[in-house]
């Protein structure tokens, strides 16, 4: 894996606490940030794939409406 340096500007208290967390976990701060960013991007990828899968599934269903609702909200909720 190829690496690239980046410059971050973080609030001092957040940075201090993040360093303590990294020390507790026995990893450098850059390792902790790498882990968190990898986890974030993995979750985003999983969400995108799940969304695409479920939208494709919706195309398979025939609800007999052909995408057109023939009723109004009032029809469904008679008062």
Protein backbone atom coordinates (compact mmCIF):
# COMPACT_ATOMS: atom_id res chain seq x y z
CA UNK A 1 0.00 0.00 0.00
CA UNK A 2 1.30 3.41 -0.94
CA UNK A 3 1.21 6.13 1.72
CA UNK A 4 0.86 9.89 1.48
CA UNK A 5 1.50 12.44 4.20
CA UNK A 6 -1.29 14.83 5.13
CA UNK A 7 -1.51 17.83 7.40
CA UNK A 8 -4.40 18.01 9.84
CA UNK A 9 -5.64 20.87 11.94
CA UNK A 10 -7.36 19.53 15.05
CA UNK A 11 -8.60 21.09 18.26
CA UNK A 12 -5.89 20.68 20.92
CA UNK A 13 -8.15 18.81 23.35
CA UNK A 14 -9.26 16.34 20.68
CA UNK A 15 -5.66 15.73 19.69
CA UNK A 16 -4.60 15.23 23.33
CA UNK A 17 -7.38 12.72 23.96
CA UNK A 18 -6.72 10.91 20.68
CA UNK A 19 -3.05 10.51 21.60
CA UNK A 20 -4.05 8.97 24.94
CA UNK A 21 -6.37 6.53 23.17
CA UNK A 22 -3.60 5.58 20.74
CA UNK A 23 -1.19 4.98 23.64
CA UNK A 24 -3.75 2.79 25.44
CA UNK A 25 -4.17 0.75 22.26
CA UNK A 26 -0.46 0.49 21.71
CA UNK A 27 -0.54 2.13 18.31
CA UNK A 28 0.81 5.39 16.94
CA UNK A 29 -1.68 8.18 16.35
CA UNK A 30 -1.33 7.74 12.60
CA UNK A 31 -2.21 4.05 13.02
CA UNK A 32 -5.31 4.95 15.01
CA UNK A 33 -6.40 7.50 12.40
CA UNK A 34 -5.71 5.01 9.59
CA UNK A 35 -7.87 2.41 11.33
CA UNK A 36 -10.72 4.87 11.87
CA UNK A 37 -10.62 6.15 8.29
CA UNK A 38 -10.45 2.61 6.87
CA UNK A 39 -13.45 1.67 9.01
CA UNK A 40 -15.37 4.74 7.83
CA UNK A 41 -14.65 4.07 4.16
CA UNK A 42 -15.49 0.35 4.55
CA UNK A 43 -18.87 1.21 6.08
CA UNK A 44 -19.60 3.72 3.34
CA UNK A 45 -18.76 1.09 0.69
CA UNK A 46 -21.00 -1.47 2.41
CA UNK A 47 -23.85 1.04 2.63
CA UNK A 48 -23.51 1.93 -1.06
CA UNK A 49 -23.50 -1.75 -2.09
CA UNK A 50 -26.51 -2.52 0.12
CA UNK A 51 -28.40 0.48 -1.26
CA UNK A 52 -27.67 -0.53 -4.86
CA UNK A 53 -28.72 -4.13 -4.11
CA UNK A 54 -32.00 -3.12 -2.49
CA UNK A 55 -32.86 -0.59 -5.18
CA UNK A 56 -32.25 -3.30 -7.78
CA UNK A 57 -34.54 -5.62 -5.80
CA UNK A 58 -37.30 -3.02 -5.92
CA UNK A 59 -37.14 -3.10 -9.71
CA UNK A 60 -38.02 -6.80 -9.54
CA UNK A 61 -41.27 -6.30 -7.63
CA UNK A 62 -44.56 -5.81 -9.45
CA UNK A 63 -46.94 -4.03 -7.13
CA UNK A 64 -49.47 -3.66 -9.94
CA UNK A 65 -49.19 0.12 -9.83
CA UNK A 66 -46.55 0.49 -12.53
CA UNK A 67 -45.21 3.38 -10.46
CA UNK A 68 -48.46 5.34 -10.47
CA UNK A 69 -50.49 5.82 -7.33
CA UNK A 70 -54.18 6.05 -8.18
CA UNK A 71 -55.19 7.16 -4.72
CA UNK A 72 -54.66 10.19 -2.58
CA UNK A 73 -53.56 10.45 1.01
CA UNK A 74 -57.15 11.35 1.90
CA UNK A 75 -58.41 8.12 0.30
CA UNK A 76 -56.10 6.11 2.50
CA UNK A 77 -56.88 8.04 5.67
CA UNK A 78 -60.63 8.66 5.69
CA UNK A 79 -61.55 10.96 8.49
